[in-house]
């Protein structure tokens, strides 16, 4: 079972891996996936400000994506933002 220290190490490594992938790859759909994963890791780590920045980055990338009609890619960022606001105790 993970303790808090181990969870912090794992979430930090996961966010770093997603960022490394993003800086080395230009594939839009895979970058959307990496950004979504990074945002979820940041939310789980309690870093809501960073997660919001990541989700906004994902939304920006999505707005330029020619495959925008894909349901999950379109709905995913909105769900991520809702989760961030919910964790902050804000009304969505």
Protein backbone atom coordinates (compact mmCIF):
# COMPACT_ATOMS: atom_id res chain seq x y z
CA UNK A 1 0.00 0.00 0.00
CA UNK A 2 1.25 3.50 -0.85
CA UNK A 3 1.86 6.07 1.82
CA UNK A 4 1.68 9.82 1.11
CA UNK A 5 5.41 10.12 0.41
CA UNK A 6 5.30 7.32 -2.16
CA UNK A 7 2.15 8.79 -3.74
CA UNK A 8 3.93 12.14 -4.10
CA UNK A 9 6.89 10.48 -5.82
CA UNK A 10 4.61 8.57 -8.20
CA UNK A 11 2.49 11.60 -9.11
CA UNK A 12 5.58 13.75 -9.66
CA UNK A 13 7.10 11.10 -11.91
CA UNK A 14 3.85 10.71 -13.86
CA UNK A 15 3.53 14.46 -14.46
CA UNK A 16 7.19 14.64 -15.53
CA UNK A 17 6.74 11.71 -17.92
CA UNK A 18 3.70 13.37 -19.52
CA UNK A 19 5.61 16.63 -19.94
CA UNK A 20 8.61 14.83 -21.44
CA UNK A 21 6.30 13.14 -23.91
CA UNK A 22 4.67 16.45 -24.84
CA UNK A 23 7.97 18.14 -25.57
CA UNK A 24 9.14 15.28 -27.78
CA UNK A 25 6.02 14.57 -29.85
CA UNK A 26 3.81 16.53 -32.25
CA UNK A 27 0.95 14.02 -32.53
CA UNK A 28 -2.16 16.02 -31.55
CA UNK A 29 -4.36 13.19 -30.30
CA UNK A 30 -1.58 11.65 -28.22
CA UNK A 31 -0.69 15.08 -26.81
CA UNK A 32 -4.34 15.51 -25.79
CA UNK A 33 -4.11 12.20 -23.97
CA UNK A 34 -0.84 13.18 -22.28
CA UNK A 35 -2.26 16.52 -21.17
CA UNK A 36 -5.37 14.83 -19.79
CA UNK A 37 -3.24 12.36 -17.87
CA UNK A 38 -1.03 15.13 -16.54
CA UNK A 39 -4.06 17.15 -15.37
CA UNK A 40 -5.54 14.14 -13.58
CA UNK A 41 -2.23 13.44 -11.85
CA UNK A 42 -2.03 17.09 -10.77
CA UNK A 43 -5.58 16.97 -9.38
CA UNK A 44 -4.81 13.78 -7.46
CA UNK A 45 -1.67 15.44 -6.09
CA UNK A 46 -3.77 18.41 -4.96
CA UNK A 47 -2.05 20.87 -7.30
CA UNK A 48 -5.25 22.39 -8.66
CA UNK A 49 -3.65 25.54 -10.06
CA UNK A 50 -1.26 23.47 -12.16
CA UNK A 51 -4.10 21.17 -13.24
CA UNK A 52 -6.15 24.13 -14.39
CA UNK A 53 -3.20 25.44 -16.41
CA UNK A 54 -2.75 22.00 -17.98
CA UNK A 55 -6.45 21.73 -18.84
CA UNK A 56 -6.39 25.18 -20.43
CA UNK A 57 -3.35 24.10 -22.45
CA UNK A 58 -5.32 21.04 -23.53
CA UNK A 59 -8.31 23.19 -24.53
CA UNK A 60 -6.02 25.44 -26.58
CA UNK A 61 -4.56 22.43 -28.39
CA UNK A 62 -8.04 21.03 -28.90
CA UNK A 63 -9.29 24.26 -30.48
CA UNK A 64 -6.68 23.84 -33.24
CA UNK A 65 -7.37 20.11 -33.70
CA UNK A 66 -9.06 19.07 -36.97
CA UNK A 67 -10.46 15.96 -35.23
CA UNK A 68 -12.43 18.04 -32.70
CA UNK A 69 -15.72 16.15 -33.25
CA UNK A 70 -14.33 13.16 -31.38
CA UNK A 71 -16.61 12.97 -28.37
CA UNK A 72 -14.08 12.07 -25.67
CA UNK A 73 -11.56 14.64 -26.88
CA UNK A 74 -14.27 17.31 -26.82
CA UNK A 75 -15.92 16.38 -23.53
CA UNK A 76 -12.76 15.38 -21.63
CA UNK A 77 -11.40 18.89 -20.98
CA UNK A 78 -14.79 20.10 -19.73
CA UNK A 79 -14.96 17.17 -17.34
CA UNK A 80 -11.42 17.90 -16.16
CA UNK A 81 -12.33 21.54 -15.43
CA UNK A 82 -15.46 20.44 -13.59
CA UNK A 83 -13.37 18.10 -11.44
CA UNK A 84 -10.95 20.90 -10.60
CA UNK A 85 -13.77 23.22 -9.57
CA UNK A 86 -15.43 20.46 -7.57
CA UNK A 87 -12.20 19.76 -5.68
CA UNK A 88 -11.96 23.48 -4.88
CA UNK A 89 -15.49 23.40 -3.50
CA UNK A 90 -16.74 25.70 -6.24
CA UNK A 91 -20.07 25.31 -7.93
CA UNK A 92 -19.88 24.11 -11.52
